[in-house]
PDB file of N, CA and C in Angstrom:
ATOM      1  N   MET A   1      -5.847  26.538 -31.587  1.00  0.00           N
ATOM      2  CA  MET A   1      -5.811  26.148 -30.196  1.00  0.00           C
ATOM      3  C   MET A   1      -5.265  27.314 -29.381  1.00  0.00           C
ATOM      4  N   VAL A   2      -5.757  27.465 -28.151  1.00  0.00           N
ATOM      5  CA  VAL A   2      -5.367  28.554 -27.272  1.00  0.00           C
ATOM      6  C   VAL A   2      -4.679  27.978 -26.034  1.00  0.00           C
ATOM      7  N   THR A   3      -3.689  28.693 -25.543  1.00  0.00           N
ATOM      8  CA  THR A   3      -2.996  28.296 -24.321  1.00  0.00           C
ATOM      9  C   THR A   3      -3.407  29.246 -23.209  1.00  0.00           C
ATOM     10  N   ILE A   4      -3.722  28.687 -22.027  1.00  0.00           N
ATOM     11  CA  ILE A   4      -4.046  29.518 -20.867  1.00  0.00           C
ATOM     12  C   ILE A   4      -3.122  29.138 -19.713  1.00  0.00           C
ATOM     13  N   THR A   5      -3.011  30.034 -18.744  1.00  0.00           N
ATOM     14  CA  THR A   5      -2.211  29.796 -17.556  1.00  0.00           C
ATOM     15  C   THR A   5      -3.145  29.733 -16.360  1.00  0.00           C
ATOM     16  N   VAL A   6      -2.935  28.728 -15.501  1.00  0.00           N
ATOM     17  CA  VAL A   6      -3.756  28.545 -14.311  1.00  0.00           C
ATOM     18  C   VAL A   6      -2.833  28.525 -13.103  1.00  0.00           C
ATOM     19  N   THR A   7      -3.187  29.260 -12.066  1.00  0.00           N
ATOM     20  CA  THR A   7      -2.406  29.271 -10.841  1.00  0.00           C
ATOM     21  C   THR A   7      -2.973  28.240  -9.875  1.00  0.00           C
ATOM     22  N   LEU A   8      -2.112  27.337  -9.388  1.00  0.00           N
ATOM     23  CA  LEU A   8      -2.508  26.292  -8.449  1.00  0.00           C
ATOM     24  C   LEU A   8      -1.600  26.341  -7.240  1.00  0.00           C
ATOM     25  N   SER A   9      -2.129  25.915  -6.113  1.00  0.00           N
ATOM     26  CA  SER A   9      -1.284  25.776  -4.934  1.00  0.00           C
ATOM     27  C   SER A   9      -0.358  24.583  -5.153  1.00  0.00           C
ATOM     28  N   GLU A  10       0.719  24.533  -4.431  1.00  0.00           N
ATOM     29  CA  GLU A  10       1.645  23.405  -4.546  1.00  0.00           C
ATOM     30  C   GLU A  10       0.933  22.091  -4.224  1.00  0.00           C
ATOM     31  N   ASP A  11       0.051  22.131  -3.232  1.00  0.00           N
ATOM     32  CA  ASP A  11      -0.693  20.939  -2.827  1.00  0.00           C
ATOM     33  C   ASP A  11      -1.593  20.438  -3.953  1.00  0.00           C
ATOM     34  N   HIS A  12      -2.311  21.356  -4.582  1.00  0.00           N
ATOM     35  CA  HIS A  12      -3.194  20.965  -5.684  1.00  0.00           C
ATOM     36  C   HIS A  12      -2.398  20.457  -6.876  1.00  0.00           C
ATOM     37  N   LEU A  13      -1.275  21.093  -7.147  1.00  0.00           N
ATOM     38  CA  LEU A  13      -0.433  20.632  -8.251  1.00  0.00           C
ATOM     39  C   LEU A  13       0.065  19.217  -7.986  1.00  0.00           C
ATOM     40  N   GLU A  14       0.485  18.966  -6.769  1.00  0.00           N
ATOM     41  CA  GLU A  14       0.965  17.621  -6.416  1.00  0.00           C
ATOM     42  C   GLU A  14      -0.146  16.580  -6.578  1.00  0.00           C
ATOM     43  N   LYS A  15      -1.351  16.911  -6.122  1.00  0.00           N
ATOM     44  CA  LYS A  15      -2.482  15.988  -6.263  1.00  0.00           C
ATOM     45  C   LYS A  15      -2.801  15.749  -7.737  1.00  0.00           C
ATOM     46  N   LEU A  16      -2.769  16.810  -8.521  1.00  0.00           N
ATOM     47  CA  LEU A  16      -3.040  16.700  -9.950  1.00  0.00           C
ATOM     48  C   LEU A  16      -1.988  15.823 -10.630  1.00  0.00           C
ATOM     49  N   GLN A  17      -0.728  16.028 -10.275  1.00  0.00           N
ATOM     50  CA  GLN A  17       0.345  15.224 -10.851  1.00  0.00           C
ATOM     51  C   GLN A  17       0.213  13.755 -10.457  1.00  0.00           C
ATOM     52  N   ASN A  18      -0.180  13.502  -9.222  1.00  0.00           N
ATOM     53  CA  ASN A  18      -0.376  12.121  -8.775  1.00  0.00           C
ATOM     54  C   ASN A  18      -1.509  11.445  -9.542  1.00  0.00           C
ATOM     55  N   LEU A  19      -2.602  12.181  -9.764  1.00  0.00           N
ATOM     56  CA  LEU A  19      -3.708  11.633 -10.553  1.00  0.00           C
ATOM     57  C   LEU A  19      -3.264  11.320 -11.977  1.00  0.00           C
ATOM     58  N   ALA A  20      -2.512  12.231 -12.556  1.00  0.00           N
ATOM     59  CA  ALA A  20      -2.027  12.018 -13.918  1.00  0.00           C
ATOM     60  C   ALA A  20      -1.137  10.776 -13.984  1.00  0.00           C
ATOM     61  N   LYS A  21      -0.306  10.586 -12.971  1.00  0.00           N
ATOM     62  CA  LYS A  21       0.541   9.391 -12.920  1.00  0.00           C
ATOM     63  C   LYS A  21      -0.310   8.127 -12.848  1.00  0.00           C
ATOM     64  N   GLN A  22      -1.377   8.177 -12.058  1.00  0.00           N
ATOM     65  CA  GLN A  22      -2.260   7.016 -11.933  1.00  0.00           C
ATOM     66  C   GLN A  22      -2.859   6.637 -13.279  1.00  0.00           C
ATOM     67  N   PHE A  23      -3.181   7.644 -14.099  1.00  0.00           N
ATOM     68  CA  PHE A  23      -3.765   7.395 -15.413  1.00  0.00           C
ATOM     69  C   PHE A  23      -2.706   7.254 -16.500  1.00  0.00           C
ATOM     70  N   ASN A  24      -1.458   7.428 -16.084  1.00  0.00           N
ATOM     71  CA  ASN A  24      -0.321   7.298 -17.006  1.00  0.00           C
ATOM     72  C   ASN A  24      -0.434   8.259 -18.195  1.00  0.00           C
ATOM     73  N   ILE A  25      -0.800   9.512 -17.869  1.00  0.00           N
ATOM     74  CA  ILE A  25      -0.890  10.562 -18.888  1.00  0.00           C
ATOM     75  C   ILE A  25      -0.216  11.822 -18.341  1.00  0.00           C
ATOM     76  N   PRO A  26       0.205  12.731 -19.225  1.00  0.00           N
ATOM     77  CA  PRO A  26       0.785  13.995 -18.758  1.00  0.00           C
ATOM     78  C   PRO A  26      -0.247  14.817 -17.979  1.00  0.00           C
ATOM     79  N   THR A  27       0.223  15.599 -17.049  1.00  0.00           N
ATOM     80  CA  THR A  27      -0.648  16.445 -16.230  1.00  0.00           C
ATOM     81  C   THR A  27      -1.504  17.355 -17.104  1.00  0.00           C
ATOM     82  N   GLU A  28      -0.903  17.937 -18.128  1.00  0.00           N
ATOM     83  CA  GLU A  28      -1.629  18.846 -19.020  1.00  0.00           C
ATOM     84  C   GLU A  28      -2.778  18.123 -19.725  1.00  0.00           C
ATOM     85  N   GLU A  29      -2.544  16.861 -20.086  1.00  0.00           N
ATOM     86  CA  GLU A  29      -3.587  16.072 -20.751  1.00  0.00           C
ATOM     87  C   GLU A  29      -4.750  15.811 -19.798  1.00  0.00           C
ATOM     88  N   LEU A  30      -4.440  15.520 -18.549  1.00  0.00           N
ATOM     89  CA  LEU A  30      -5.494  15.306 -17.552  1.00  0.00           C
ATOM     90  C   LEU A  30      -6.341  16.563 -17.402  1.00  0.00           C
ATOM     91  N   LEU A  31      -5.713  17.706 -17.340  1.00  0.00           N
ATOM     92  CA  LEU A  31      -6.459  18.967 -17.239  1.00  0.00           C
ATOM     93  C   LEU A  31      -7.328  19.196 -18.471  1.00  0.00           C
ATOM     94  N   ARG A  32      -6.768  18.962 -19.655  1.00  0.00           N
ATOM     95  CA  ARG A  32      -7.519  19.171 -20.890  1.00  0.00           C
ATOM     96  C   ARG A  32      -8.733  18.259 -20.966  1.00  0.00           C
ATOM     97  N   VAL A  33      -8.535  16.984 -20.665  1.00  0.00           N
ATOM     98  CA  VAL A  33      -9.637  16.019 -20.723  1.00  0.00           C
ATOM     99  C   VAL A  33     -10.691  16.359 -19.671  1.00  0.00           C
ATOM    100  N   SER A  34     -10.253  16.744 -18.485  1.00  0.00           N
ATOM    101  CA  SER A  34     -11.192  17.115 -17.417  1.00  0.00           C
ATOM    102  C   SER A  34     -12.028  18.315 -17.829  1.00  0.00           C
ATOM    103  N   PHE A  35     -11.378  19.298 -18.417  1.00  0.00           N
ATOM    104  CA  PHE A  35     -12.103  20.484 -18.875  1.00  0.00           C
ATOM    105  C   PHE A  35     -13.101  20.126 -19.967  1.00  0.00           C
ATOM    106  N   GLU A  36     -12.674  19.306 -20.925  1.00  0.00           N
ATOM    107  CA  GLU A  36     -13.578  18.910 -22.000  1.00  0.00           C
ATOM    108  C   GLU A  36     -14.796  18.163 -21.456  1.00  0.00           C
ATOM    109  N   GLU A  37     -14.577  17.319 -20.478  1.00  0.00           N
ATOM    110  CA  GLU A  37     -15.685  16.586 -19.854  1.00  0.00           C
ATOM    111  C   GLU A  37     -16.630  17.560 -19.159  1.00  0.00           C
ATOM    112  N   LEU A  38     -16.073  18.518 -18.464  1.00  0.00           N
ATOM    113  CA  LEU A  38     -16.886  19.510 -17.761  1.00  0.00           C
ATOM    114  C   LEU A  38     -17.731  20.315 -18.735  1.00  0.00           C
ATOM    115  N   VAL A  39     -17.146  20.740 -19.827  1.00  0.00           N
ATOM    116  CA  VAL A  39     -17.861  21.545 -20.818  1.00  0.00           C
ATOM    117  C   VAL A  39     -18.924  20.719 -21.533  1.00  0.00           C
ATOM    118  N   ALA A  40     -18.677  19.443 -21.707  1.00  0.00           N
ATOM    119  CA  ALA A  40     -19.613  18.593 -22.438  1.00  0.00           C
ATOM    120  C   ALA A  40     -20.838  18.200 -21.613  1.00  0.00           C
ATOM    121  N   ARG A  41     -20.767  18.346 -20.302  1.00  0.00           N
ATOM    122  CA  ARG A  41     -21.889  17.970 -19.444  1.00  0.00           C
ATOM    123  C   ARG A  41     -23.068  18.912 -19.643  1.00  0.00           C
ATOM    124  N   PRO A  42     -24.258  18.408 -19.420  1.00  0.00           N
ATOM    125  CA  PRO A  42     -25.435  19.300 -19.441  1.00  0.00           C
ATOM    126  C   PRO A  42     -25.299  20.382 -18.368  1.00  0.00           C
ATOM    127  N   GLN A  43     -25.918  21.503 -18.582  1.00  0.00           N
ATOM    128  CA  GLN A  43     -25.815  22.652 -17.676  1.00  0.00           C
ATOM    129  C   GLN A  43     -26.166  22.288 -16.237  1.00  0.00           C
ATOM    130  N   GLU A  44     -27.182  21.474 -16.023  1.00  0.00           N
ATOM    131  CA  GLU A  44     -27.602  21.120 -14.665  1.00  0.00           C
ATOM    132  C   GLU A  44     -26.503  20.353 -13.939  1.00  0.00           C
ATOM    133  N   ASP A  45     -25.882  19.412 -14.623  1.00  0.00           N
ATOM    134  CA  ASP A  45     -24.782  18.663 -14.015  1.00  0.00           C
ATOM    135  C   ASP A  45     -23.616  19.577 -13.681  1.00  0.00           C
ATOM    136  N   PHE A  46     -23.324  20.516 -14.589  1.00  0.00           N
ATOM    137  CA  PHE A  46     -22.249  21.466 -14.342  1.00  0.00           C
ATOM    138  C   PHE A  46     -22.543  22.304 -13.113  1.00  0.00           C
ATOM    139  N   GLN A  47     -23.763  22.771 -12.987  1.00  0.00           N
ATOM    140  CA  GLN A  47     -24.157  23.599 -11.843  1.00  0.00           C
ATOM    141  C   GLN A  47     -23.978  22.824 -10.544  1.00  0.00           C
ATOM    142  N   LYS A  48     -24.390  21.569 -10.525  1.00  0.00           N
ATOM    143  CA  LYS A  48     -24.232  20.732  -9.330  1.00  0.00           C
ATOM    144  C   LYS A  48     -22.756  20.541  -9.001  1.00  0.00           C
ATOM    145  N   ALA A  49     -21.944  20.289 -10.017  1.00  0.00           N
ATOM    146  CA  ALA A  49     -20.509  20.100  -9.798  1.00  0.00           C
ATOM    147  C   ALA A  49     -19.870  21.383  -9.284  1.00  0.00           C
ATOM    148  N   LEU A  50     -20.260  22.509  -9.859  1.00  0.00           N
ATOM    149  CA  LEU A  50     -19.729  23.802  -9.431  1.00  0.00           C
ATOM    150  C   LEU A  50     -20.097  24.083  -7.981  1.00  0.00           C
ATOM    151  N   GLU A  51     -21.348  23.871  -7.610  1.00  0.00           N
ATOM    152  CA  GLU A  51     -21.780  24.090  -6.236  1.00  0.00           C
ATOM    153  C   GLU A  51     -21.017  23.186  -5.267  1.00  0.00           C
ATOM    154  N   TYR A  52     -20.798  21.950  -5.670  1.00  0.00           N
ATOM    155  CA  TYR A  52     -20.050  21.016  -4.825  1.00  0.00           C
ATOM    156  C   TYR A  52     -18.626  21.529  -4.589  1.00  0.00           C
ATOM    157  N   VAL A  53     -17.963  21.948  -5.658  1.00  0.00           N
ATOM    158  CA  VAL A  53     -16.587  22.434  -5.530  1.00  0.00           C
ATOM    159  C   VAL A  53     -16.545  23.690  -4.671  1.00  0.00           C
ATOM    160  N   LEU A  54     -17.452  24.617  -4.921  1.00  0.00           N
ATOM    161  CA  LEU A  54     -17.464  25.859  -4.143  1.00  0.00           C
ATOM    162  C   LEU A  54     -17.744  25.592  -2.664  1.00  0.00           C
ATOM    163  N   ASP A  55     -18.676  24.713  -2.370  1.00  0.00           N
ATOM    164  CA  ASP A  55     -18.974  24.372  -0.978  1.00  0.00           C
ATOM    165  C   ASP A  55     -17.800  23.659  -0.325  1.00  0.00           C
ATOM    166  N   THR A  56     -17.192  22.742  -1.062  1.00  0.00           N
ATOM    167  CA  THR A  56     -16.092  21.961  -0.518  1.00  0.00           C
ATOM    168  C   THR A  56     -14.896  22.838  -0.164  1.00  0.00           C
ATOM    169  N   TYR A  57     -14.608  23.819  -1.008  1.00  0.00           N
ATOM    170  CA  TYR A  57     -13.423  24.648  -0.808  1.00  0.00           C
ATOM    171  C   TYR A  57     -13.737  26.044  -0.279  1.00  0.00           C
ATOM    172  N   LYS A  58     -14.932  26.217   0.290  1.00  0.00           N
ATOM    173  CA  LYS A  58     -15.363  27.532   0.770  1.00  0.00           C
ATOM    174  C   LYS A  58     -14.348  28.143   1.736  1.00  0.00           C
ATOM    175  N   GLU A  59     -13.910  27.372   2.720  1.00  0.00           N
ATOM    176  CA  GLU A  59     -12.953  27.887   3.706  1.00  0.00           C
ATOM    177  C   GLU A  59     -11.632  28.269   3.064  1.00  0.00           C
ATOM    178  N   LEU A  60     -11.156  27.441   2.140  1.00  0.00           N
ATOM    179  CA  LEU A  60      -9.909  27.730   1.454  1.00  0.00           C
ATOM    180  C   LEU A  60     -10.023  29.044   0.682  1.00  0.00           C
ATOM    181  N   TYR A  61     -11.128  29.228  -0.026  1.00  0.00           N
ATOM    182  CA  TYR A  61     -11.320  30.461  -0.793  1.00  0.00           C
ATOM    183  C   TYR A  61     -11.376  31.675   0.130  1.00  0.00           C
ATOM    184  N   LYS A  62     -11.985  31.529   1.293  1.00  0.00           N
ATOM    185  CA  LYS A  62     -12.040  32.654   2.244  1.00  0.00           C
ATOM    186  C   LYS A  62     -10.638  33.007   2.717  1.00  0.00           C
ATOM    187  N   ARG A  63      -9.807  31.998   3.009  1.00  0.00           N
ATOM    188  CA  ARG A  63      -8.445  32.251   3.480  1.00  0.00           C
ATOM    189  C   ARG A  63      -7.585  32.878   2.391  1.00  0.00           C
ATOM    190  N   LEU A  64      -7.848  32.507   1.147  1.00  0.00           N
ATOM    191  CA  LEU A  64      -7.047  33.045   0.045  1.00  0.00           C
ATOM    192  C   LEU A  64      -7.466  34.462  -0.330  1.00  0.00           C
ATOM    193  N   ALA A  65      -8.688  34.843   0.014  1.00  0.00           N
ATOM    194  CA  ALA A  65      -9.181  36.171  -0.376  1.00  0.00           C
ATOM    195  C   ALA A  65      -8.507  37.282   0.400  1.00  0.00           C
TER     196      ALA A  65
END
């Protein structure tokens, strides 16, 4: 197993922690399961999800750049 580090804004971390609380699982587990689900999806579904995320956060990414 490999460990990686991800940088998140405080706002995103708070939202992630709240979601994990709703599912009554550790935050790290929510991230792991989410990643596994993303990787398991067919390529077309992944592409659609990626485009949605990029479009949704386009302004945020521009401000962070």
